[in-house]
């Protein structure tokens, strides 16, 4: 399934989310400091986009693993 590639949460994706969060915060501060203006792109990315992606991925992963577990239980009960 193609959505597994994007939404199934793995430890690697978890670390990528954390690292991207730190990079976004640093870029927001650096650009604001260098240009002397408040930019919102990296701020919005860190505050809204990353948490929404994490929550959606977490819910998707829970549903995926629960459905996979139910299929395994059904196979065992049929035998």
C-alpha atoms as a PDB file:
ATOM      1  CA  UNK A   1       0.000   0.000   0.000  1.00  0.00           C
ATOM      2  CA  UNK A   2       1.433   3.362  -0.990  1.00  0.00           C
ATOM      3  CA  UNK A   3       0.153   5.202   2.097  1.00  0.00           C
ATOM      4  CA  UNK A   4       2.305   2.970   4.315  1.00  0.00           C
ATOM      5  CA  UNK A   5       5.359   4.589   2.781  1.00  0.00           C
ATOM      6  CA  UNK A   6       4.241   8.051   3.900  1.00  0.00           C
ATOM      7  CA  UNK A   7       2.202   7.519   7.052  1.00  0.00           C
ATOM      8  CA  UNK A   8       3.440   4.387   8.810  1.00  0.00           C
ATOM      9  CA  UNK A   9       5.459   5.687  11.744  1.00  0.00           C
ATOM     10  CA  UNK A  10       8.863   4.104  12.254  1.00  0.00           C
ATOM     11  CA  UNK A  11      11.664   5.055  14.654  1.00  0.00           C
ATOM     12  CA  UNK A  12      13.575   6.540  11.722  1.00  0.00           C
ATOM     13  CA  UNK A  13      10.638   8.779  10.779  1.00  0.00           C
ATOM     14  CA  UNK A  14      10.275   9.796  14.413  1.00  0.00           C
ATOM     15  CA  UNK A  15      13.877  10.977  14.513  1.00  0.00           C
ATOM     16  CA  UNK A  16      13.450  12.756  11.182  1.00  0.00           C
ATOM     17  CA  UNK A  17      10.484  14.669  12.624  1.00  0.00           C
ATOM     18  CA  UNK A  18      12.512  15.667  15.693  1.00  0.00           C
ATOM     19  CA  UNK A  19      15.532  16.758  13.639  1.00  0.00           C
ATOM     20  CA  UNK A  20      13.366  18.717  11.191  1.00  0.00           C
ATOM     21  CA  UNK A  21      11.749  20.441  14.163  1.00  0.00           C
ATOM     22  CA  UNK A  22      15.108  21.576  15.513  1.00  0.00           C
ATOM     23  CA  UNK A  23      16.294  22.653  12.072  1.00  0.00           C
ATOM     24  CA  UNK A  24      13.078  24.616  11.550  1.00  0.00           C
ATOM     25  CA  UNK A  25      13.471  26.396  14.887  1.00  0.00           C
ATOM     26  CA  UNK A  26      17.106  27.232  14.171  1.00  0.00           C
ATOM     27  CA  UNK A  27      16.333  28.482  10.648  1.00  0.00           C
ATOM     28  CA  UNK A  28      13.479  30.610  11.967  1.00  0.00           C
ATOM     29  CA  UNK A  29      15.777  32.247  14.528  1.00  0.00           C
ATOM     30  CA  UNK A  30      18.702  32.676  12.122  1.00  0.00           C
ATOM     31  CA  UNK A  31      16.623  34.231   9.353  1.00  0.00           C
ATOM     32  CA  UNK A  32      14.800  36.477  11.812  1.00  0.00           C
ATOM     33  CA  UNK A  33      18.120  37.589  13.284  1.00  0.00           C
ATOM     34  CA  UNK A  34      19.902  38.161   9.991  1.00  0.00           C
ATOM     35  CA  UNK A  35      17.087  39.899   8.151  1.00  0.00           C
ATOM     36  CA  UNK A  36      15.627  41.703  11.130  1.00  0.00           C
ATOM     37  CA  UNK A  37      12.098  40.683  10.156  1.00  0.00           C
ATOM     38  CA  UNK A  38       9.819  37.998  11.450  1.00  0.00           C
ATOM     39  CA  UNK A  39       9.352  35.240   8.903  1.00  0.00           C
ATOM     40  CA  UNK A  40       6.570  32.742   9.362  1.00  0.00           C
ATOM     41  CA  UNK A  41       7.428  29.858   7.031  1.00  0.00           C
ATOM     42  CA  UNK A  42       9.676  27.830   9.336  1.00  0.00           C
ATOM     43  CA  UNK A  43       7.635  28.847  12.381  1.00  0.00           C
ATOM     44  CA  UNK A  44       4.403  27.538  10.819  1.00  0.00           C
ATOM     45  CA  UNK A  45       6.230  24.402   9.673  1.00  0.00           C
ATOM     46  CA  UNK A  46       7.421  23.604  13.204  1.00  0.00           C
ATOM     47  CA  UNK A  47       4.262  24.645  15.051  1.00  0.00           C
ATOM     48  CA  UNK A  48       1.586  23.244  12.724  1.00  0.00           C
ATOM     49  CA  UNK A  49       2.848  20.985   9.926  1.00  0.00           C
ATOM     50  CA  UNK A  50       5.173  18.666  11.857  1.00  0.00           C
ATOM     51  CA  UNK A  51       2.786  18.023  14.775  1.00  0.00           C
ATOM     52  CA  UNK A  52      -0.149  17.393  12.421  1.00  0.00           C
ATOM     53  CA  UNK A  53       1.955  14.967  10.383  1.00  0.00           C
ATOM     54  CA  UNK A  54       3.094  13.224  13.577  1.00  0.00           C
ATOM     55  CA  UNK A  55      -0.463  12.875  14.915  1.00  0.00           C
ATOM     56  CA  UNK A  56      -1.834  11.596  11.600  1.00  0.00           C
ATOM     57  CA  UNK A  57       1.066   9.135  11.292  1.00  0.00           C
ATOM     58  CA  UNK A  58       0.594   7.962  14.866  1.00  0.00           C
ATOM     59  CA  UNK A  59      -3.138   7.341  14.378  1.00  0.00           C
ATOM     60  CA  UNK A  60      -2.515   5.616  11.045  1.00  0.00           C
ATOM     61  CA  UNK A  61       0.168   3.400  12.598  1.00  0.00           C
ATOM     62  CA  UNK A  62      -2.047   2.411  15.527  1.00  0.00           C
ATOM     63  CA  UNK A  63      -4.941   1.512  13.224  1.00  0.00           C
ATOM     64  CA  UNK A  64      -2.590  -0.355  10.878  1.00  0.00           C
ATOM     65  CA  UNK A  65      -0.996  -2.430  13.632  1.00  0.00           C
ATOM     66  CA  UNK A  66      -4.347  -3.173  15.286  1.00  0.00           C
ATOM     67  CA  UNK A  67      -5.858  -4.368  12.004  1.00  0.00           C
ATOM     68  CA  UNK A  68      -2.766  -6.472  11.323  1.00  0.00           C
ATOM     69  CA  UNK A  69      -3.036  -7.983  14.800  1.00  0.00           C
ATOM     70  CA  UNK A  70      -6.715  -8.839  14.229  1.00  0.00           C
ATOM     71  CA  UNK A  71      -5.841 -10.625  10.980  1.00  0.00           C
ATOM     72  CA  UNK A  72      -3.231 -12.725  12.791  1.00  0.00           C
ATOM     73  CA  UNK A  73      -5.711 -13.627  15.540  1.00  0.00           C
ATOM     74  CA  UNK A  74      -8.344 -14.624  12.957  1.00  0.00           C
ATOM     75  CA  UNK A  75      -5.841 -16.891  11.190  1.00  0.00           C
ATOM     76  CA  UNK A  76      -4.937 -18.604  14.475  1.00  0.00           C
ATOM     77  CA  UNK A  77      -8.607 -19.145  15.350  1.00  0.00           C
ATOM     78  CA  UNK A  78      -9.321 -20.759  11.966  1.00  0.00           C
ATOM     79  CA  UNK A  79      -6.647 -23.430  12.506  1.00  0.00           C
END
